[in-house]
Amino acid sequence: MMDIEEKRRLVRGLLREVGRGFAEPHGFGVTNNPGSLFRLLCLSVLLRRSTDYHTAVAAAQQLRDCGWATAQKLAASSYGQRAEVLALAGHRRTAELPGGAGG
């Protein structure tokens, strides 16, 4: 059975070898902190709702660039503000925005 240090070494080696997947090359760091995990959650929701991953990535980047990179900051924005920002990124399904009135 592996101890925790062995598991950590294995994970670090795998990350060096195969990278961190889809999110990191698109500007979404994969770290174990609430803000990073929230940004990944928003990205994943937008990816699921979009037929074009470029649009979903651009929309998630817009949310982040507006400073809405945590749940508290996104919640402090209005639905209209989020809809406007995401529409500028090309995301049209505003009824399904993270934290939106439609779900």
PDB file of N, CA and C in Angstrom:
ATOM      1  N   MET A   1       0.839  -1.179   0.000  1.00  0.00           N
ATOM      2  CA  MET A   1       0.000   0.000   0.000  1.00  0.00           C
ATOM      3  C   MET A   1       0.887   1.247   0.000  1.00  0.00           C
ATOM      4  N   MET A   2       0.522   2.249  -0.809  1.00  0.00           N
ATOM      5  CA  MET A   2       1.306   3.475  -0.918  1.00  0.00           C
ATOM      6  C   MET A   2       0.977   4.422   0.227  1.00  0.00           C
ATOM      7  N   ASP A   3       2.014   5.075   0.734  1.00  0.00           N
ATOM      8  CA  ASP A   3       1.742   6.125   1.711  1.00  0.00           C
ATOM      9  C   ASP A   3       1.435   7.423   0.963  1.00  0.00           C
ATOM     10  N   ILE A   4       1.074   8.438   1.696  1.00  0.00           N
ATOM     11  CA  ILE A   4       0.635   9.696   1.079  1.00  0.00           C
ATOM     12  C   ILE A   4       1.739  10.351   0.249  1.00  0.00           C
ATOM     13  N   GLU A   5       2.974  10.285   0.712  1.00  0.00           N
ATOM     14  CA  GLU A   5       4.088  10.881  -0.050  1.00  0.00           C
ATOM     15  C   GLU A   5       4.291  10.166  -1.375  1.00  0.00           C
ATOM     16  N   GLU A   6       4.159   8.862  -1.382  1.00  0.00           N
ATOM     17  CA  GLU A   6       4.291   8.109  -2.633  1.00  0.00           C
ATOM     18  C   GLU A   6       3.180   8.488  -3.613  1.00  0.00           C
ATOM     19  N   LYS A   7       1.978   8.662  -3.094  1.00  0.00           N
ATOM     20  CA  LYS A   7       0.854   9.072  -3.942  1.00  0.00           C
ATOM     21  C   LYS A   7       1.100  10.459  -4.528  1.00  0.00           C
ATOM     22  N   ARG A   8       1.599  11.366  -3.712  1.00  0.00           N
ATOM     23  CA  ARG A   8       1.893  12.717  -4.192  1.00  0.00           C
ATOM     24  C   ARG A   8       2.964  12.693  -5.282  1.00  0.00           C
ATOM     25  N   ARG A   9       4.007  11.911  -5.077  1.00  0.00           N
ATOM     26  CA  ARG A   9       5.055  11.805  -6.106  1.00  0.00           C
ATOM     27  C   ARG A   9       4.487  11.241  -7.402  1.00  0.00           C
ATOM     28  N   LEU A  10       3.631  10.240  -7.286  1.00  0.00           N
ATOM     29  CA  LEU A  10       3.006   9.648  -8.461  1.00  0.00           C
ATOM     30  C   LEU A  10       2.170  10.683  -9.209  1.00  0.00           C
ATOM     31  N   VAL A  11       1.355  11.437  -8.484  1.00  0.00           N
ATOM     32  CA  VAL A  11       0.509  12.458  -9.109  1.00  0.00           C
ATOM     33  C   VAL A  11       1.361  13.537  -9.768  1.00  0.00           C
ATOM     34  N   ARG A  12       2.393  14.029  -9.069  1.00  0.00           N
ATOM     35  CA  ARG A  12       3.272  15.050  -9.657  1.00  0.00           C
ATOM     36  C   ARG A  12       3.923  14.536 -10.934  1.00  0.00           C
ATOM     37  N   GLY A  13       4.367  13.286 -10.926  1.00  0.00           N
ATOM     38  CA  GLY A  13       4.978  12.697 -12.115  1.00  0.00           C
ATOM     39  C   GLY A  13       3.997  12.600 -13.266  1.00  0.00           C
ATOM     40  N   LEU A  14       2.770  12.186 -12.959  1.00  0.00           N
ATOM     41  CA  LEU A  14       1.751  12.094 -14.006  1.00  0.00           C
ATOM     42  C   LEU A  14       1.416  13.468 -14.569  1.00  0.00           C
ATOM     43  N   LEU A  15       1.314  14.470 -13.716  1.00  0.00           N
ATOM     44  CA  LEU A  15       1.007  15.811 -14.192  1.00  0.00           C
ATOM     45  C   LEU A  15       2.111  16.349 -15.089  1.00  0.00           C
ATOM     46  N   ARG A  16       3.353  16.089 -14.729  1.00  0.00           N
ATOM     47  CA  ARG A  16       4.463  16.521 -15.594  1.00  0.00           C
ATOM     48  C   ARG A  16       4.408  15.798 -16.932  1.00  0.00           C
ATOM     49  N   GLU A  17       4.036  14.544 -16.889  1.00  0.00           N
ATOM     50  CA  GLU A  17       4.033  13.709 -18.086  1.00  0.00           C
ATOM     51  C   GLU A  17       2.872  14.025 -19.026  1.00  0.00           C
ATOM     52  N   VAL A  18       1.669  14.157 -18.503  1.00  0.00           N
ATOM     53  CA  VAL A  18       0.496  14.309 -19.356  1.00  0.00           C
ATOM     54  C   VAL A  18      -0.144  15.684 -19.275  1.00  0.00           C
ATOM     55  N   GLY A  19       0.309  16.530 -18.401  1.00  0.00           N
ATOM     56  CA  GLY A  19      -0.274  17.861 -18.285  1.00  0.00           C
ATOM     57  C   GLY A  19      -1.523  17.862 -17.447  1.00  0.00           C
ATOM     58  N   ARG A  20      -2.203  18.975 -17.456  1.00  0.00           N
ATOM     59  CA  ARG A  20      -3.371  19.141 -16.594  1.00  0.00           C
ATOM     60  C   ARG A  20      -4.678  19.140 -17.374  1.00  0.00           C
ATOM     61  N   GLY A  21      -4.648  18.759 -18.608  1.00  0.00           N
ATOM     62  CA  GLY A  21      -5.896  18.618 -19.333  1.00  0.00           C
ATOM     63  C   GLY A  21      -6.324  19.841 -20.108  1.00  0.00           C
ATOM     64  N   PHE A  22      -7.597  19.953 -20.303  1.00  0.00           N
ATOM     65  CA  PHE A  22      -8.194  20.954 -21.171  1.00  0.00           C
ATOM     66  C   PHE A  22      -8.118  22.367 -20.603  1.00  0.00           C
ATOM     67  N   ALA A  23      -8.370  22.528 -19.325  1.00  0.00           N
ATOM     68  CA  ALA A  23      -8.566  23.856 -18.738  1.00  0.00           C
ATOM     69  C   ALA A  23      -7.303  24.714 -18.720  1.00  0.00           C
ATOM     70  N   GLU A  24      -6.200  24.154 -18.326  1.00  0.00           N
ATOM     71  CA  GLU A  24      -4.999  24.963 -18.127  1.00  0.00           C
ATOM     72  C   GLU A  24      -4.505  25.674 -19.383  1.00  0.00           C
ATOM     73  N   PRO A  25      -4.459  25.030 -20.539  1.00  0.00           N
ATOM     74  CA  PRO A  25      -4.023  25.751 -21.733  1.00  0.00           C
ATOM     75  C   PRO A  25      -4.941  26.907 -22.129  1.00  0.00           C
ATOM     76  N   HIS A  26      -6.160  26.905 -21.589  1.00  0.00           N
ATOM     77  CA  HIS A  26      -7.118  27.970 -21.888  1.00  0.00           C
ATOM     78  C   HIS A  26      -7.152  29.036 -20.796  1.00  0.00           C
ATOM     79  N   GLY A  27      -6.175  29.001 -19.902  1.00  0.00           N
ATOM     80  CA  GLY A  27      -6.051  30.046 -18.894  1.00  0.00           C
ATOM     81  C   GLY A  27      -6.760  29.781 -17.579  1.00  0.00           C
ATOM     82  N   PHE A  28      -7.168  28.556 -17.342  1.00  0.00           N
ATOM     83  CA  PHE A  28      -7.830  28.206 -16.097  1.00  0.00           C
ATOM     84  C   PHE A  28      -6.934  27.259 -15.316  1.00  0.00           C
ATOM     85  N   GLY A  29      -6.206  27.840 -14.363  1.00  0.00           N
ATOM     86  CA  GLY A  29      -5.277  27.046 -13.565  1.00  0.00           C
ATOM     87  C   GLY A  29      -6.007  25.988 -12.755  1.00  0.00           C
ATOM     88  N   VAL A  30      -5.366  24.853 -12.639  1.00  0.00           N
ATOM     89  CA  VAL A  30      -5.932  23.742 -11.889  1.00  0.00           C
ATOM     90  C   VAL A  30      -5.193  23.668 -10.559  1.00  0.00           C
ATOM     91  N   THR A  31      -5.766  24.293  -9.551  1.00  0.00           N
ATOM     92  CA  THR A  31      -5.183  24.259  -8.216  1.00  0.00           C
ATOM     93  C   THR A  31      -6.265  23.902  -7.215  1.00  0.00           C
ATOM     94  N   ASN A  32      -5.838  23.522  -6.058  1.00  0.00           N
ATOM     95  CA  ASN A  32      -6.778  23.089  -5.032  1.00  0.00           C
ATOM     96  C   ASN A  32      -7.128  24.259  -4.112  1.00  0.00           C
ATOM     97  N   ASN A  33      -7.802  25.256  -4.679  1.00  0.00           N
ATOM     98  CA  ASN A  33      -8.307  26.354  -3.860  1.00  0.00           C
ATOM     99  C   ASN A  33      -9.710  26.696  -4.344  1.00  0.00           C
ATOM    100  N   PRO A  34     -10.524  27.282  -3.493  1.00  0.00           N
ATOM    101  CA  PRO A  34     -11.934  27.511  -3.848  1.00  0.00           C
ATOM    102  C   PRO A  34     -12.136  28.354  -5.106  1.00  0.00           C
ATOM    103  N   GLY A  35     -11.345  29.411  -5.281  1.00  0.00           N
ATOM    104  CA  GLY A  35     -11.517  30.262  -6.461  1.00  0.00           C
ATOM    105  C   GLY A  35     -11.237  29.512  -7.753  1.00  0.00           C
ATOM    106  N   SER A  36     -10.146  28.772  -7.769  1.00  0.00           N
ATOM    107  CA  SER A  36      -9.790  27.993  -8.956  1.00  0.00           C
ATOM    108  C   SER A  36     -10.853  26.947  -9.260  1.00  0.00           C
ATOM    109  N   LEU A  37     -11.307  26.263  -8.239  1.00  0.00           N
ATOM    110  CA  LEU A  37     -12.328  25.236  -8.438  1.00  0.00           C
ATOM    111  C   LEU A  37     -13.643  25.847  -8.911  1.00  0.00           C
ATOM    112  N   PHE A  38     -13.983  27.031  -8.407  1.00  0.00           N
ATOM    113  CA  PHE A  38     -15.200  27.705  -8.864  1.00  0.00           C
ATOM    114  C   PHE A  38     -15.089  28.086 -10.341  1.00  0.00           C
ATOM    115  N   ARG A  39     -13.942  28.619 -10.745  1.00  0.00           N
ATOM    116  CA  ARG A  39     -13.755  28.983 -12.157  1.00  0.00           C
ATOM    117  C   ARG A  39     -13.859  27.750 -13.046  1.00  0.00           C
ATOM    118  N   LEU A  40     -13.328  26.616 -12.590  1.00  0.00           N
ATOM    119  CA  LEU A  40     -13.452  25.374 -13.355  1.00  0.00           C
ATOM    120  C   LEU A  40     -14.906  24.918 -13.421  1.00  0.00           C
ATOM    121  N   LEU A  41     -15.630  25.107 -12.338  1.00  0.00           N
ATOM    122  CA  LEU A  41     -17.053  24.758 -12.334  1.00  0.00           C
ATOM    123  C   LEU A  41     -17.816  25.594 -13.354  1.00  0.00           C
ATOM    124  N   CYS A  42     -17.570  26.903 -13.353  1.00  0.00           N
ATOM    125  CA  CYS A  42     -18.237  27.772 -14.343  1.00  0.00           C
ATOM    126  C   CYS A  42     -17.882  27.349 -15.762  1.00  0.00           C
ATOM    127  N   LEU A  43     -16.603  27.073 -15.995  1.00  0.00           N
ATOM    128  CA  LEU A  43     -16.177  26.620 -17.319  1.00  0.00           C
ATOM    129  C   LEU A  43     -16.903  25.335 -17.701  1.00  0.00           C
ATOM    130  N   SER A  44     -16.998  24.400 -16.776  1.00  0.00           N
ATOM    131  CA  SER A  44     -17.645  23.122 -17.105  1.00  0.00           C
ATOM    132  C   SER A  44     -19.133  23.299 -17.383  1.00  0.00           C
ATOM    133  N   VAL A  45     -19.811  24.176 -16.636  1.00  0.00           N
ATOM    134  CA  VAL A  45     -21.237  24.440 -16.892  1.00  0.00           C
ATOM    135  C   VAL A  45     -21.408  25.046 -18.281  1.00  0.00           C
ATOM    136  N   LEU A  46     -20.571  26.017 -18.605  1.00  0.00           N
ATOM    137  CA  LEU A  46     -20.673  26.665 -19.919  1.00  0.00           C
ATOM    138  C   LEU A  46     -20.305  25.706 -21.041  1.00  0.00           C
ATOM    139  N   LEU A  47     -19.332  24.832 -20.820  1.00  0.00           N
ATOM    140  CA  LEU A  47     -18.978  23.836 -21.839  1.00  0.00           C
ATOM    141  C   LEU A  47     -20.134  22.875 -22.082  1.00  0.00           C
ATOM    142  N   ARG A  48     -20.812  22.498 -21.032  1.00  0.00           N
ATOM    143  CA  ARG A  48     -21.935  21.576 -21.175  1.00  0.00           C
ATOM    144  C   ARG A  48     -23.090  22.224 -21.925  1.00  0.00           C
ATOM    145  N   ARG A  49     -23.274  23.524 -21.746  1.00  0.00           N
ATOM    146  CA  ARG A  49     -24.405  24.231 -22.333  1.00  0.00           C
ATOM    147  C   ARG A  49     -24.137  24.744 -23.744  1.00  0.00           C
ATOM    148  N   SER A  50     -22.898  24.694 -24.192  1.00  0.00           N
ATOM    149  CA  SER A  50     -22.553  25.279 -25.483  1.00  0.00           C
ATOM    150  C   SER A  50     -22.257  24.189 -26.505  1.00  0.00           C
ATOM    151  N   THR A  51     -22.609  24.457 -27.753  1.00  0.00           N
ATOM    152  CA  THR A  51     -22.278  23.515 -28.819  1.00  0.00           C
ATOM    153  C   THR A  51     -20.877  23.768 -29.367  1.00  0.00           C
ATOM    154  N   ASP A  52     -20.292  24.907 -29.020  1.00  0.00           N
ATOM    155  CA  ASP A  52     -18.961  25.275 -29.500  1.00  0.00           C
ATOM    156  C   ASP A  52     -18.070  25.569 -28.302  1.00  0.00           C
ATOM    157  N   TYR A  53     -17.028  24.767 -28.108  1.00  0.00           N
ATOM    158  CA  TYR A  53     -16.201  24.959 -26.922  1.00  0.00           C
ATOM    159  C   TYR A  53     -15.473  26.292 -26.948  1.00  0.00           C
ATOM    160  N   HIS A  54     -15.191  26.846 -28.116  1.00  0.00           N
ATOM    161  CA  HIS A  54     -14.538  28.156 -28.182  1.00  0.00           C
ATOM    162  C   HIS A  54     -15.402  29.231 -27.514  1.00  0.00           C
ATOM    163  N   THR A  55     -16.704  29.168 -27.777  1.00  0.00           N
ATOM    164  CA  THR A  55     -17.639  30.120 -27.189  1.00  0.00           C
ATOM    165  C   THR A  55     -17.708  29.934 -25.678  1.00  0.00           C
ATOM    166  N   ALA A  56     -17.758  28.702 -25.229  1.00  0.00           N
ATOM    167  CA  ALA A  56     -17.823  28.433 -23.790  1.00  0.00           C
ATOM    168  C   ALA A  56     -16.566  28.921 -23.078  1.00  0.00           C
ATOM    169  N   VAL A  57     -15.414  28.680 -23.670  1.00  0.00           N
ATOM    170  CA  VAL A  57     -14.155  29.138 -23.071  1.00  0.00           C
ATOM    171  C   VAL A  57     -14.117  30.662 -23.039  1.00  0.00           C
ATOM    172  N   ALA A  58     -14.522  31.297 -24.132  1.00  0.00           N
ATOM    173  CA  ALA A  58     -14.536  32.766 -24.172  1.00  0.00           C
ATOM    174  C   ALA A  58     -15.492  33.324 -23.118  1.00  0.00           C
ATOM    175  N   ALA A  59     -16.632  32.685 -22.933  1.00  0.00           N
ATOM    176  CA  ALA A  59     -17.598  33.143 -21.940  1.00  0.00           C
ATOM    177  C   ALA A  59     -17.029  32.997 -20.530  1.00  0.00           C
ATOM    178  N   ALA A  60     -16.407  31.874 -20.234  1.00  0.00           N
ATOM    179  CA  ALA A  60     -15.805  31.671 -18.911  1.00  0.00           C
ATOM    180  C   ALA A  60     -14.668  32.663 -18.674  1.00  0.00           C
ATOM    181  N   GLN A  61     -13.892  32.945 -19.705  1.00  0.00           N
ATOM    182  CA  GLN A  61     -12.820  33.933 -19.581  1.00  0.00           C
ATOM    183  C   GLN A  61     -13.390  35.319 -19.312  1.00  0.00           C
ATOM    184  N   GLN A  62     -14.514  35.649 -19.958  1.00  0.00           N
ATOM    185  CA  GLN A  62     -15.161  36.944 -19.737  1.00  0.00           C
ATOM    186  C   GLN A  62     -15.622  37.077 -18.284  1.00  0.00           C
ATOM    187  N   LEU A  63     -16.216  36.011 -17.745  1.00  0.00           N
ATOM    188  CA  LEU A  63     -16.634  36.038 -16.345  1.00  0.00           C
ATOM    189  C   LEU A  63     -15.438  36.312 -15.439  1.00  0.00           C
ATOM    190  N   ARG A  64     -14.365  35.596 -15.682  1.00  0.00           N
ATOM    191  CA  ARG A  64     -13.151  35.760 -14.886  1.00  0.00           C
ATOM    192  C   ARG A  64     -12.583  37.162 -15.045  1.00  0.00           C
ATOM    193  N   ASP A  65     -12.529  37.658 -16.274  1.00  0.00           N
ATOM    194  CA  ASP A  65     -11.939  38.970 -16.543  1.00  0.00           C
ATOM    195  C   ASP A  65     -12.765  40.122 -15.956  1.00  0.00           C
ATOM    196  N   CYS A  66     -14.053  39.874 -15.741  1.00  0.00           N
ATOM    197  CA  CYS A  66     -14.901  40.889 -15.104  1.00  0.00           C
ATOM    198  C   CYS A  66     -14.729  40.888 -13.592  1.00  0.00           C
ATOM    199  N   GLY A  67     -13.906  39.981 -13.099  1.00  0.00           N
ATOM    200  CA  GLY A  67     -13.676  39.906 -11.661  1.00  0.00           C
ATOM    201  C   GLY A  67     -14.642  38.983 -10.942  1.00  0.00           C
ATOM    202  N   TRP A  68     -15.455  38.258 -11.690  1.00  0.00           N
ATOM    203  CA  TRP A  68     -16.425  37.340 -11.098  1.00  0.00           C
ATOM    204  C   TRP A  68     -15.814  35.942 -11.005  1.00  0.00           C
ATOM    205  N   ALA A  69     -14.701  35.850 -10.314  1.00  0.00           N
ATOM    206  CA  ALA A  69     -13.939  34.607 -10.269  1.00  0.00           C
ATOM    207  C   ALA A  69     -14.208  33.790  -9.008  1.00  0.00           C
ATOM    208  N   THR A  70     -15.128  34.249  -8.176  1.00  0.00           N
ATOM    209  CA  THR A  70     -15.532  33.480  -7.000  1.00  0.00           C
ATOM    210  C   THR A  70     -17.052  33.460  -6.948  1.00  0.00           C
ATOM    211  N   ALA A  71     -17.579  32.548  -6.188  1.00  0.00           N
ATOM    212  CA  ALA A  71     -19.034  32.448  -6.071  1.00  0.00           C
ATOM    213  C   ALA A  71     -19.627  33.731  -5.497  1.00  0.00           C
ATOM    214  N   GLN A  72     -18.957  34.314  -4.507  1.00  0.00           N
ATOM    215  CA  GLN A  72     -19.461  35.535  -3.886  1.00  0.00           C
ATOM    216  C   GLN A  72     -19.491  36.692  -4.880  1.00  0.00           C
ATOM    217  N   LYS A  73     -18.439  36.838  -5.662  1.00  0.00           N
ATOM    218  CA  LYS A  73     -18.383  37.941  -6.621  1.00  0.00           C
ATOM    219  C   LYS A  73     -19.390  37.759  -7.745  1.00  0.00           C
ATOM    220  N   LEU A  74     -19.563  36.527  -8.201  1.00  0.00           N
ATOM    221  CA  LEU A  74     -20.563  36.281  -9.248  1.00  0.00           C
ATOM    222  C   LEU A  74     -21.960  36.532  -8.698  1.00  0.00           C
ATOM    223  N   ALA A  75     -22.210  36.118  -7.465  1.00  0.00           N
ATOM    224  CA  ALA A  75     -23.522  36.326  -6.854  1.00  0.00           C
ATOM    225  C   ALA A  75     -23.826  37.807  -6.662  1.00  0.00           C
ATOM    226  N   ALA A  76     -22.787  38.622  -6.480  1.00  0.00           N
ATOM    227  CA  ALA A  76     -22.989  40.058  -6.294  1.00  0.00           C
ATOM    228  C   ALA A  76     -23.331  40.778  -7.594  1.00  0.00           C
ATOM    229  N   SER A  77     -23.087  40.132  -8.719  1.00  0.00           N
ATOM    230  CA  SER A  77     -23.438  40.733 -10.013  1.00  0.00           C
ATOM    231  C   SER A  77     -24.909  40.458 -10.292  1.00  0.00           C
ATOM    232  N   SER A  78     -25.481  41.274 -11.157  1.00  0.00           N
ATOM    233  CA  SER A  78     -26.893  41.055 -11.500  1.00  0.00           C
ATOM    234  C   SER A  78     -26.993  40.072 -12.670  1.00  0.00           C
ATOM    235  N   TYR A  79     -28.151  39.489 -12.785  1.00  0.00           N
ATOM    236  CA  TYR A  79     -28.396  38.579 -13.907  1.00  0.00           C
ATOM    237  C   TYR A  79     -28.182  39.308 -15.234  1.00  0.00           C
ATOM    238  N   GLY A  80     -28.642  40.545 -15.310  1.00  0.00           N
ATOM    239  CA  GLY A  80     -28.483  41.332 -16.529  1.00  0.00           C
ATOM    240  C   GLY A  80     -27.023  41.581 -16.874  1.00  0.00           C
ATOM    241  N   GLN A  81     -26.212  41.854 -15.858  1.00  0.00           N
ATOM    242  CA  GLN A  81     -24.780  42.058 -16.091  1.00  0.00           C
ATOM    243  C   GLN A  81     -24.141  40.787 -16.642  1.00  0.00           C
ATOM    244  N   ARG A  82     -24.462  39.656 -16.028  1.00  0.00           N
ATOM    245  CA  ARG A  82     -23.891  38.377 -16.499  1.00  0.00           C
ATOM    246  C   ARG A  82     -24.341  38.080 -17.918  1.00  0.00           C
ATOM    247  N   ALA A  83     -25.620  38.284 -18.196  1.00  0.00           N
ATOM    248  CA  ALA A  83     -26.155  38.012 -19.536  1.00  0.00           C
ATOM    249  C   ALA A  83     -25.459  38.879 -20.578  1.00  0.00           C
ATOM    250  N   GLU A  84     -25.248  40.145 -20.251  1.00  0.00           N
ATOM    251  CA  GLU A  84     -24.592  41.061 -21.186  1.00  0.00           C
ATOM    252  C   GLU A  84     -23.149  40.638 -21.465  1.00  0.00           C
ATOM    253  N   VAL A  85     -22.413  40.321 -20.421  1.00  0.00           N
ATOM    254  CA  VAL A  85     -21.011  39.919 -20.581  1.00  0.00           C
ATOM    255  C   VAL A  85     -20.905  38.632 -21.389  1.00  0.00           C
ATOM    256  N   LEU A  86     -21.751  37.673 -21.081  1.00  0.00           N
ATOM    257  CA  LEU A  86     -21.682  36.392 -21.792  1.00  0.00           C
ATOM    258  C   LEU A  86     -22.169  36.515 -23.231  1.00  0.00           C
ATOM    259  N   ALA A  87     -23.125  37.379 -23.473  1.00  0.00           N
ATOM    260  CA  ALA A  87     -23.576  37.611 -24.849  1.00  0.00           C
ATOM    261  C   ALA A  87     -22.450  38.223 -25.675  1.00  0.00           C
ATOM    262  N   LEU A  88     -21.672  39.106 -25.063  1.00  0.00           N
ATOM    263  CA  LEU A  88     -20.526  39.687 -25.773  1.00  0.00           C
ATOM    264  C   LEU A  88     -19.496  38.628 -26.155  1.00  0.00           C
ATOM    265  N   ALA A  89     -19.439  37.577 -25.361  1.00  0.00           N
ATOM    266  CA  ALA A  89     -18.517  36.467 -25.646  1.00  0.00           C
ATOM    267  C   ALA A  89     -19.109  35.490 -26.660  1.00  0.00           C
ATOM    268  N   GLY A  90     -20.364  35.731 -27.062  1.00  0.00           N
ATOM    269  CA  GLY A  90     -20.994  34.856 -28.044  1.00  0.00           C
ATOM    270  C   GLY A  90     -21.895  33.799 -27.451  1.00  0.00           C
ATOM    271  N   HIS A  91     -22.038  33.787 -26.143  1.00  0.00           N
ATOM    272  CA  HIS A  91     -22.889  32.800 -25.479  1.00  0.00           C
ATOM    273  C   HIS A  91     -24.303  33.338 -25.454  1.00  0.00           C
ATOM    274  N   ARG A  92     -25.229  32.653 -26.087  1.00  0.00           N
ATOM    275  CA  ARG A  92     -26.583  33.181 -26.272  1.00  0.00           C
ATOM    276  C   ARG A  92     -27.632  32.562 -25.357  1.00  0.00           C
ATOM    277  N   ARG A  93     -27.338  31.478 -24.711  1.00  0.00           N
ATOM    278  CA  ARG A  93     -28.366  30.783 -23.931  1.00  0.00           C
ATOM    279  C   ARG A  93     -28.402  31.345 -22.518  1.00  0.00           C
ATOM    280  N   THR A  94     -28.828  32.585 -22.382  1.00  0.00           N
ATOM    281  CA  THR A  94     -28.756  33.283 -21.098  1.00  0.00           C
ATOM    282  C   THR A  94     -29.676  32.680 -20.039  1.00  0.00           C
ATOM    283  N   ALA A  95     -30.687  31.942 -20.437  1.00  0.00           N
ATOM    284  CA  ALA A  95     -31.577  31.325 -19.441  1.00  0.00           C
ATOM    285  C   ALA A  95     -30.853  30.245 -18.648  1.00  0.00           C
ATOM    286  N   GLU A  96     -29.689  29.833 -19.096  1.00  0.00           N
ATOM    287  CA  GLU A  96     -28.985  28.742 -18.418  1.00  0.00           C
ATOM    288  C   GLU A  96     -27.617  29.194 -17.901  1.00  0.00           C
ATOM    289  N   LEU A  97     -27.453  30.456 -17.616  1.00  0.00           N
ATOM    290  CA  LEU A  97     -26.188  30.955 -17.106  1.00  0.00           C
ATOM    291  C   LEU A  97     -25.958  30.507 -15.684  1.00  0.00           C
ATOM    292  N   PRO A  98     -24.681  30.356 -15.292  1.00  0.00           N
ATOM    293  CA  PRO A  98     -24.410  30.042 -13.893  1.00  0.00           C
ATOM    294  C   PRO A  98     -24.996  31.135 -13.003  1.00  0.00           C
ATOM    295  N   GLY A  99     -25.789  30.760 -12.038  1.00  0.00           N
ATOM    296  CA  GLY A  99     -26.368  31.716 -11.110  1.00  0.00           C
ATOM    297  C   GLY A  99     -27.530  32.502 -11.698  1.00  0.00           C
ATOM    298  N   GLY A 100     -27.972  32.128 -12.888  1.00  0.00           N
ATOM    299  CA  GLY A 100     -29.014  32.879 -13.569  1.00  0.00           C
ATOM    300  C   GLY A 100     -30.414  32.549 -13.090  1.00  0.00           C
ATOM    301  N   ALA A 101     -31.331  33.348 -13.543  1.00  0.00           N
ATOM    302  CA  ALA A 101     -32.725  33.191 -13.146  1.00  0.00           C
ATOM    303  C   ALA A 101     -33.294  31.886 -13.693  1.00  0.00           C
ATOM    304  N   GLY A 102     -32.746  31.412 -14.793  1.00  0.00           N
ATOM    305  CA  GLY A 102     -33.278  30.191 -15.406  1.00  0.00           C
ATOM    306  C   GLY A 102     -32.600  28.936 -14.942  1.00  0.00           C
ATOM    307  N   GLY A 103     -31.600  29.007 -14.064  1.00  0.00           N
ATOM    308  CA  GLY A 103     -31.036  27.760 -13.574  1.00  0.00           C
ATOM    309  C   GLY A 103     -29.656  27.843 -13.254  1.00  0.00           C
TER     310      GLY A 103
END
